[in-house]
PDB file of N, CA and C in Angstrom:
ATOM      1  N   MET A   1       7.457  20.673  29.014  1.00  0.00           N
ATOM      2  CA  MET A   1       6.522  21.653  28.507  1.00  0.00           C
ATOM      3  C   MET A   1       5.164  20.985  28.352  1.00  0.00           C
ATOM      4  N   ALA A   2       4.178  21.560  28.948  1.00  0.00           N
ATOM      5  CA  ALA A   2       2.816  21.043  28.876  1.00  0.00           C
ATOM      6  C   ALA A   2       2.074  21.749  27.750  1.00  0.00           C
ATOM      7  N   LYS A   3       1.241  20.993  27.035  1.00  0.00           N
ATOM      8  CA  LYS A   3       0.440  21.557  25.938  1.00  0.00           C
ATOM      9  C   LYS A   3      -1.032  21.425  26.286  1.00  0.00           C
ATOM     10  N   TYR A   4      -1.761  22.482  25.993  1.00  0.00           N
ATOM     11  CA  TYR A   4      -3.202  22.521  26.259  1.00  0.00           C
ATOM     12  C   TYR A   4      -3.940  22.982  25.016  1.00  0.00           C
ATOM     13  N   LYS A   5      -5.213  22.620  24.932  1.00  0.00           N
ATOM     14  CA  LYS A   5      -6.060  23.043  23.813  1.00  0.00           C
ATOM     15  C   LYS A   5      -7.380  23.545  24.379  1.00  0.00           C
ATOM     16  N   ALA A   6      -7.850  24.669  23.836  1.00  0.00           N
ATOM     17  CA  ALA A   6      -9.121  25.267  24.243  1.00  0.00           C
ATOM     18  C   ALA A   6      -9.683  26.020  23.040  1.00  0.00           C
ATOM     19  N   SER A   7     -10.706  26.793  23.267  1.00  0.00           N
ATOM     20  CA  SER A   7     -11.258  27.618  22.196  1.00  0.00           C
ATOM     21  C   SER A   7     -10.221  28.652  21.768  1.00  0.00           C
ATOM     22  N   PRO A   8     -10.145  28.953  20.470  1.00  0.00           N
ATOM     23  CA  PRO A   8      -9.200  29.979  20.016  1.00  0.00           C
ATOM     24  C   PRO A   8      -9.436  31.299  20.738  1.00  0.00           C
ATOM     25  N   GLY A   9      -8.344  31.925  21.177  1.00  0.00           N
ATOM     26  CA  GLY A   9      -8.444  33.211  21.860  1.00  0.00           C
ATOM     27  C   GLY A   9      -8.821  33.107  23.321  1.00  0.00           C
ATOM     28  N   TYR A  10      -8.912  31.902  23.875  1.00  0.00           N
ATOM     29  CA  TYR A  10      -9.271  31.719  25.282  1.00  0.00           C
ATOM     30  C   TYR A  10      -8.187  32.339  26.160  1.00  0.00           C
ATOM     31  N   VAL A  11      -8.575  33.023  27.227  1.00  0.00           N
ATOM     32  CA  VAL A  11      -7.653  33.732  28.103  1.00  0.00           C
ATOM     33  C   VAL A  11      -7.894  33.298  29.546  1.00  0.00           C
ATOM     34  N   VAL A  12      -6.790  33.033  30.281  1.00  0.00           N
ATOM     35  CA  VAL A  12      -6.862  32.654  31.689  1.00  0.00           C
ATOM     36  C   VAL A  12      -5.926  33.566  32.470  1.00  0.00           C
ATOM     37  N   ALA A  13      -6.424  34.145  33.559  1.00  0.00           N
ATOM     38  CA  ALA A  13      -5.592  34.997  34.412  1.00  0.00           C
ATOM     39  C   ALA A  13      -4.884  34.122  35.443  1.00  0.00           C
ATOM     40  N   VAL A  14      -3.548  34.235  35.508  1.00  0.00           N
ATOM     41  CA  VAL A  14      -2.741  33.491  36.467  1.00  0.00           C
ATOM     42  C   VAL A  14      -1.932  34.520  37.247  1.00  0.00           C
ATOM     43  N   GLY A  15      -2.427  34.874  38.431  1.00  0.00           N
ATOM     44  CA  GLY A  15      -1.748  35.906  39.225  1.00  0.00           C
ATOM     45  C   GLY A  15      -1.743  37.231  38.477  1.00  0.00           C
ATOM     46  N   ASN A  16      -0.552  37.776  38.247  1.00  0.00           N
ATOM     47  CA  ASN A  16      -0.455  39.035  37.504  1.00  0.00           C
ATOM     48  C   ASN A  16      -0.152  38.796  36.030  1.00  0.00           C
ATOM     49  N   LYS A  17      -0.167  37.534  35.587  1.00  0.00           N
ATOM     50  CA  LYS A  17       0.071  37.202  34.181  1.00  0.00           C
ATOM     51  C   LYS A  17      -1.221  36.728  33.525  1.00  0.00           C
ATOM     52  N   THR A  18      -1.212  36.738  32.209  1.00  0.00           N
ATOM     53  CA  THR A  18      -2.347  36.263  31.439  1.00  0.00           C
ATOM     54  C   THR A  18      -1.879  35.166  30.488  1.00  0.00           C
ATOM     55  N   VAL A  19      -2.542  34.026  30.522  1.00  0.00           N
ATOM     56  CA  VAL A  19      -2.245  32.929  29.608  1.00  0.00           C
ATOM     57  C   VAL A  19      -3.224  33.028  28.458  1.00  0.00           C
ATOM     58  N   ARG A  20      -2.710  33.152  27.242  1.00  0.00           N
ATOM     59  CA  ARG A  20      -3.555  33.283  26.059  1.00  0.00           C
ATOM     60  C   ARG A  20      -3.366  32.074  25.141  1.00  0.00           C
ATOM     61  N   PHE A  21      -4.471  31.559  24.653  1.00  0.00           N
ATOM     62  CA  PHE A  21      -4.435  30.493  23.667  1.00  0.00           C
ATOM     63  C   PHE A  21      -4.416  31.135  22.286  1.00  0.00           C
ATOM     64  N   ASP A  22      -3.623  30.575  21.379  1.00  0.00           N
ATOM     65  CA  ASP A  22      -3.478  31.176  20.051  1.00  0.00           C
ATOM     66  C   ASP A  22      -4.723  30.944  19.186  1.00  0.00           C
ATOM     67  N   TYR A  23      -4.637  31.324  17.929  1.00  0.00           N
ATOM     68  CA  TYR A  23      -5.794  31.229  17.034  1.00  0.00           C
ATOM     69  C   TYR A  23      -6.137  29.789  16.679  1.00  0.00           C
ATOM     70  N   HIS A  24      -5.258  28.850  16.991  1.00  0.00           N
ATOM     71  CA  HIS A  24      -5.574  27.424  16.840  1.00  0.00           C
ATOM     72  C   HIS A  24      -6.154  26.852  18.132  1.00  0.00           C
ATOM     73  N   GLY A  25      -6.138  27.657  19.192  1.00  0.00           N
ATOM     74  CA  GLY A  25      -6.635  27.206  20.484  1.00  0.00           C
ATOM     75  C   GLY A  25      -5.609  26.409  21.268  1.00  0.00           C
ATOM     76  N   GLU A  26      -4.313  26.625  20.968  1.00  0.00           N
ATOM     77  CA  GLU A  26      -3.256  25.880  21.624  1.00  0.00           C
ATOM     78  C   GLU A  26      -2.432  26.776  22.539  1.00  0.00           C
ATOM     79  N   CYS A  27      -1.881  26.182  23.586  1.00  0.00           N
ATOM     80  CA  CYS A  27      -1.037  26.899  24.532  1.00  0.00           C
ATOM     81  C   CYS A  27       0.033  25.942  25.041  1.00  0.00           C
ATOM     82  N   LYS A  28       1.281  26.414  25.118  1.00  0.00           N
ATOM     83  CA  LYS A  28       2.392  25.635  25.655  1.00  0.00           C
ATOM     84  C   LYS A  28       2.989  26.420  26.807  1.00  0.00           C
ATOM     85  N   THR A  29       3.313  25.729  27.899  1.00  0.00           N
ATOM     86  CA  THR A  29       3.888  26.412  29.050  1.00  0.00           C
ATOM     87  C   THR A  29       4.788  25.487  29.857  1.00  0.00           C
ATOM     88  N   ASP A  30       5.804  26.092  30.487  1.00  0.00           N
ATOM     89  CA  ASP A  30       6.684  25.392  31.416  1.00  0.00           C
ATOM     90  C   ASP A  30       6.475  25.871  32.845  1.00  0.00           C
ATOM     91  N   ASP A  31       5.711  26.931  33.021  1.00  0.00           N
ATOM     92  CA  ASP A  31       5.507  27.550  34.326  1.00  0.00           C
ATOM     93  C   ASP A  31       4.617  26.667  35.204  1.00  0.00           C
ATOM     94  N   ALA A  32       5.124  26.306  36.383  1.00  0.00           N
ATOM     95  CA  ALA A  32       4.386  25.415  37.289  1.00  0.00           C
ATOM     96  C   ALA A  32       3.064  26.028  37.749  1.00  0.00           C
ATOM     97  N   ALA A  33       3.037  27.348  37.979  1.00  0.00           N
ATOM     98  CA  ALA A  33       1.803  28.009  38.418  1.00  0.00           C
ATOM     99  C   ALA A  33       0.742  27.960  37.319  1.00  0.00           C
ATOM    100  N   GLU A  34       1.167  28.189  36.077  1.00  0.00           N
ATOM    101  CA  GLU A  34       0.221  28.129  34.950  1.00  0.00           C
ATOM    102  C   GLU A  34      -0.299  26.710  34.762  1.00  0.00           C
ATOM    103  N   ILE A  35       0.585  25.733  34.879  1.00  0.00           N
ATOM    104  CA  ILE A  35       0.179  24.334  34.710  1.00  0.00           C
ATOM    105  C   ILE A  35      -0.842  23.947  35.776  1.00  0.00           C
ATOM    106  N   LYS A  36      -0.628  24.381  37.009  1.00  0.00           N
ATOM    107  CA  LYS A  36      -1.556  24.059  38.100  1.00  0.00           C
ATOM    108  C   LYS A  36      -2.944  24.654  37.830  1.00  0.00           C
ATOM    109  N   ILE A  37      -2.986  25.930  37.400  1.00  0.00           N
ATOM    110  CA  ILE A  37      -4.274  26.584  37.100  1.00  0.00           C
ATOM    111  C   ILE A  37      -4.956  25.902  35.917  1.00  0.00           C
ATOM    112  N   LEU A  38      -4.204  25.633  34.843  1.00  0.00           N
ATOM    113  CA  LEU A  38      -4.792  25.012  33.650  1.00  0.00           C
ATOM    114  C   LEU A  38      -5.256  23.586  33.931  1.00  0.00           C
ATOM    115  N   ASP A  39      -4.522  22.844  34.759  1.00  0.00           N
ATOM    116  CA  ASP A  39      -4.955  21.492  35.129  1.00  0.00           C
ATOM    117  C   ASP A  39      -6.283  21.515  35.880  1.00  0.00           C
ATOM    118  N   GLY A  40      -6.538  22.577  36.621  1.00  0.00           N
ATOM    119  CA  GLY A  40      -7.809  22.720  37.324  1.00  0.00           C
ATOM    120  C   GLY A  40      -8.977  22.964  36.383  1.00  0.00           C
ATOM    121  N   LEU A  41      -8.687  23.464  35.184  1.00  0.00           N
ATOM    122  CA  LEU A  41      -9.734  23.734  34.191  1.00  0.00           C
ATOM    123  C   LEU A  41      -9.906  22.603  33.185  1.00  0.00           C
ATOM    124  N   VAL A  42      -9.094  21.549  33.312  1.00  0.00           N
ATOM    125  CA  VAL A  42      -9.006  20.526  32.275  1.00  0.00           C
ATOM    126  C   VAL A  42     -10.330  19.910  31.835  1.00  0.00           C
ATOM    127  N   PRO A  43     -11.120  19.284  32.634  1.00  0.00           N
ATOM    128  CA  PRO A  43     -12.239  18.566  32.025  1.00  0.00           C
ATOM    129  C   PRO A  43     -13.298  19.459  31.392  1.00  0.00           C
ATOM    130  N   LYS A  44     -13.505  20.654  31.920  1.00  0.00           N
ATOM    131  CA  LYS A  44     -14.623  21.461  31.443  1.00  0.00           C
ATOM    132  C   LYS A  44     -14.226  22.468  30.364  1.00  0.00           C
ATOM    133  N   TRP A  45     -13.161  23.225  30.570  1.00  0.00           N
ATOM    134  CA  TRP A  45     -12.834  24.324  29.673  1.00  0.00           C
ATOM    135  C   TRP A  45     -11.604  24.086  28.807  1.00  0.00           C
ATOM    136  N   VAL A  46     -10.690  23.286  29.293  1.00  0.00           N
ATOM    137  CA  VAL A  46      -9.402  23.098  28.621  1.00  0.00           C
ATOM    138  C   VAL A  46      -9.123  21.612  28.500  1.00  0.00           C
ATOM    139  N   THR A  47      -8.435  21.218  27.417  1.00  0.00           N
ATOM    140  CA  THR A  47      -8.014  19.841  27.219  1.00  0.00           C
ATOM    141  C   THR A  47      -6.499  19.786  27.288  1.00  0.00           C
ATOM    142  N   LYS A  48      -5.966  18.866  28.091  1.00  0.00           N
ATOM    143  CA  LYS A  48      -4.522  18.707  28.179  1.00  0.00           C
ATOM    144  C   LYS A  48      -4.079  17.746  27.088  1.00  0.00           C
ATOM    145  N   VAL A  49      -3.269  18.266  26.168  1.00  0.00           N
ATOM    146  CA  VAL A  49      -2.814  17.461  25.037  1.00  0.00           C
ATOM    147  C   VAL A  49      -1.639  16.582  25.451  1.00  0.00           C
ATOM    148  N   SER A  50      -0.645  17.168  26.141  1.00  0.00           N
ATOM    149  CA  SER A  50       0.481  16.389  26.651  1.00  0.00           C
ATOM    150  C   SER A  50       1.059  17.089  27.866  1.00  0.00           C
ATOM    151  N   ASP A  51       1.682  16.292  28.711  1.00  0.00           N
ATOM    152  CA  ASP A  51       2.268  16.882  29.905  1.00  0.00           C
ATOM    153  C   ASP A  51       3.754  17.159  29.741  1.00  0.00           C
ATOM    154  N   GLY A  52       4.306  16.874  28.579  1.00  0.00           N
ATOM    155  CA  GLY A  52       5.699  17.195  28.303  1.00  0.00           C
ATOM    156  C   GLY A  52       6.666  16.103  28.678  1.00  0.00           C
ATOM    157  N   ASN A  53       6.233  15.104  29.398  1.00  0.00           N
ATOM    158  CA  ASN A  53       7.107  13.994  29.761  1.00  0.00           C
ATOM    159  C   ASN A  53       7.026  12.936  28.683  1.00  0.00           C
ATOM    160  N   LYS A  54       8.176  12.576  28.149  1.00  0.00           N
ATOM    161  CA  LYS A  54       8.195  11.529  27.137  1.00  0.00           C
ATOM    162  C   LYS A  54       8.112  10.185  27.842  1.00  0.00           C
ATOM    163  N   PRO A  55       7.209   9.325  27.409  1.00  0.00           N
ATOM    164  CA  PRO A  55       7.114   8.012  28.058  1.00  0.00           C
ATOM    165  C   PRO A  55       8.363   7.190  27.749  1.00  0.00           C
ATOM    166  N   GLU A  56       8.852   6.467  28.756  1.00  0.00           N
ATOM    167  CA  GLU A  56      10.014   5.632  28.553  1.00  0.00           C
ATOM    168  C   GLU A  56       9.592   4.379  27.807  1.00  0.00           C
ATOM    169  N   VAL A  57      10.375   4.033  26.786  1.00  0.00           N
ATOM    170  CA  VAL A  57      10.075   2.869  25.968  1.00  0.00           C
ATOM    171  C   VAL A  57      11.187   1.853  26.190  1.00  0.00           C
ATOM    172  N   SER A  58      10.814   0.672  26.634  1.00  0.00           N
ATOM    173  CA  SER A  58      11.813  -0.364  26.872  1.00  0.00           C
ATOM    174  C   SER A  58      12.176  -1.039  25.552  1.00  0.00           C
ATOM    175  N   LYS A  59      13.292  -1.750  25.567  1.00  0.00           N
ATOM    176  CA  LYS A  59      13.730  -2.438  24.353  1.00  0.00           C
ATOM    177  C   LYS A  59      12.731  -3.513  23.948  1.00  0.00           C
ATOM    178  N   ALA A  60      12.077  -4.122  24.923  1.00  0.00           N
ATOM    179  CA  ALA A  60      11.096  -5.165  24.623  1.00  0.00           C
ATOM    180  C   ALA A  60       9.910  -4.588  23.838  1.00  0.00           C
ATOM    181  N   GLU A  61       9.539  -3.344  24.149  1.00  0.00           N
ATOM    182  CA  GLU A  61       8.414  -2.721  23.441  1.00  0.00           C
ATOM    183  C   GLU A  61       8.816  -2.278  22.044  1.00  0.00           C
ATOM    184  N   MET A  62      10.096  -2.013  21.830  1.00  0.00           N
ATOM    185  CA  MET A  62      10.565  -1.552  20.527  1.00  0.00           C
ATOM    186  C   MET A  62      10.702  -2.690  19.528  1.00  0.00           C
ATOM    187  N   GLU A  63      10.934  -3.928  20.020  1.00  0.00           N
ATOM    188  CA  GLU A  63      11.084  -5.062  19.130  1.00  0.00           C
ATOM    189  C   GLU A  63       9.746  -5.410  18.501  1.00  0.00           C
ATOM    190  N   PRO A  64       9.748  -5.756  17.203  1.00  0.00           N
ATOM    191  CA  PRO A  64       8.476  -6.116  16.565  1.00  0.00           C
ATOM    192  C   PRO A  64       7.918  -7.406  17.154  1.00  0.00           C
ATOM    193  N   LYS A  65       6.645  -7.409  17.343  1.00  0.00           N
ATOM    194  CA  LYS A  65       5.970  -8.578  17.904  1.00  0.00           C
ATOM    195  C   LYS A  65       5.398  -9.409  16.765  1.00  0.00           C
ATOM    196  N   PRO A  66       5.432 -10.729  16.881  1.00  0.00           N
ATOM    197  CA  PRO A  66       4.835 -11.555  15.829  1.00  0.00           C
ATOM    198  C   PRO A  66       3.322 -11.387  15.820  1.00  0.00           C
ATOM    199  N   ALA A  67       2.767 -11.527  14.656  1.00  0.00           N
ATOM    200  CA  ALA A  67       1.320 -11.386  14.519  1.00  0.00           C
ATOM    201  C   ALA A  67       0.635 -12.544  15.236  1.00  0.00           C
ATOM    202  N   PRO A  68      -0.545 -12.315  15.771  1.00  0.00           N
ATOM    203  CA  PRO A  68      -1.276 -13.402  16.427  1.00  0.00           C
ATOM    204  C   PRO A  68      -1.554 -14.529  15.444  1.00  0.00           C
ATOM    205  N   ALA A  69      -1.705 -15.731  15.952  1.00  0.00           N
ATOM    206  CA  ALA A  69      -1.911 -16.907  15.101  1.00  0.00           C
ATOM    207  C   ALA A  69      -3.148 -16.775  14.230  1.00  0.00           C
ATOM    208  N   GLU A  70      -4.140 -16.043  14.682  1.00  0.00           N
ATOM    209  CA  GLU A  70      -5.381 -15.909  13.928  1.00  0.00           C
ATOM    210  C   GLU A  70      -5.189 -15.126  12.644  1.00  0.00           C
ATOM    211  N   THR A  71      -4.265 -14.171  12.636  1.00  0.00           N
ATOM    212  CA  THR A  71      -4.096 -13.325  11.457  1.00  0.00           C
ATOM    213  C   THR A  71      -2.973 -13.794  10.546  1.00  0.00           C
ATOM    214  N   GLN A  72      -2.195 -14.811  10.960  1.00  0.00           N
ATOM    215  CA  GLN A  72      -1.127 -15.302  10.113  1.00  0.00           C
ATOM    216  C   GLN A  72      -1.715 -16.147   8.999  1.00  0.00           C
ATOM    217  N   LYS A  73      -1.067 -16.071   7.835  1.00  0.00           N
ATOM    218  CA  LYS A  73      -1.525 -16.861   6.700  1.00  0.00           C
ATOM    219  C   LYS A  73      -1.074 -18.306   6.902  1.00  0.00           C
ATOM    220  N   PRO A  74      -1.901 -19.252   6.500  1.00  0.00           N
ATOM    221  CA  PRO A  74      -1.496 -20.648   6.641  1.00  0.00           C
ATOM    222  C   PRO A  74      -0.329 -20.951   5.700  1.00  0.00           C
ATOM    223  N   ALA A  75       0.492 -21.910   6.084  1.00  0.00           N
ATOM    224  CA  ALA A  75       1.628 -22.297   5.255  1.00  0.00           C
ATOM    225  C   ALA A  75       1.101 -22.905   3.962  1.00  0.00           C
ATOM    226  N   PRO A  76       1.769 -22.609   2.850  1.00  0.00           N
ATOM    227  CA  PRO A  76       1.283 -23.164   1.575  1.00  0.00           C
ATOM    228  C   PRO A  76       1.458 -24.683   1.559  1.00  0.00           C
ATOM    229  N   THR A  77       0.500 -25.368   0.977  1.00  0.00           N
ATOM    230  CA  THR A  77       0.560 -26.812   0.872  1.00  0.00           C
ATOM    231  C   THR A  77       1.221 -27.183  -0.431  1.00  0.00           C
ATOM    232  N   ARG A  78       1.864 -28.332  -0.434  1.00  0.00           N
ATOM    233  CA  ARG A  78       2.528 -28.772  -1.659  1.00  0.00           C
ATOM    234  C   ARG A  78       1.477 -29.307  -2.630  1.00  0.00           C
ATOM    235  N   SER A  79       1.640 -28.976  -3.865  1.00  0.00           N
ATOM    236  CA  SER A  79       0.706 -29.490  -4.866  1.00  0.00           C
ATOM    237  C   SER A  79       1.216 -30.848  -5.377  1.00  0.00           C
ATOM    238  N   ARG A  80       0.372 -31.555  -6.044  1.00  0.00           N
ATOM    239  CA  ARG A  80       0.718 -32.882  -6.565  1.00  0.00           C
ATOM    240  C   ARG A  80       1.789 -32.720  -7.629  1.00  0.00           C
ATOM    241  N   ARG A  81       2.788 -33.565  -7.528  1.00  0.00           N
ATOM    242  CA  ARG A  81       3.853 -33.503  -8.509  1.00  0.00           C
ATOM    243  C   ARG A  81       3.431 -34.287  -9.753  1.00  0.00           C
ATOM    244  N   THR A  82       3.829 -33.717 -10.878  1.00  0.00           N
ATOM    245  CA  THR A  82       3.524 -34.400 -12.151  1.00  0.00           C
ATOM    246  C   THR A  82       4.836 -34.807 -12.816  1.00  0.00           C
ATOM    247  N   SER A  83       4.725 -35.593 -13.840  1.00  0.00           N
ATOM    248  CA  SER A  83       5.924 -36.047 -14.516  1.00  0.00           C
ATOM    249  C   SER A  83       6.547 -34.963 -15.388  1.00  0.00           C
ATOM    250  N   GLY A  84       5.812 -33.925 -15.677  1.00  0.00           N
ATOM    251  CA  GLY A  84       6.336 -32.806 -16.453  1.00  0.00           C
ATOM    252  C   GLY A  84       6.203 -33.008 -17.943  1.00  0.00           C
ATOM    253  N   LYS A  85       5.462 -34.002 -18.405  1.00  0.00           N
ATOM    254  CA  LYS A  85       5.292 -34.244 -19.838  1.00  0.00           C
ATOM    255  C   LYS A  85       4.167 -33.465 -20.401  1.00  0.00           C
TER     256      LYS A  85
END
């Protein structure tokens, strides 16, 4: 399902159908003909929010990465030991 954003109430004629954007200016569609027409309007009149395909995430990307050396805190230094008196 592709999602698009435009001005609220924006209307596009696709063959004998009409694509209407809701009062938030959003539209969702699975129809290939509608997607083709809306993609043609993308940079000027319509913004494509998502194309409906979930990006594949590998296990390597899911594992937490260590912070770069620049942002890691330095190891604490030992303080001078005293006799405790």
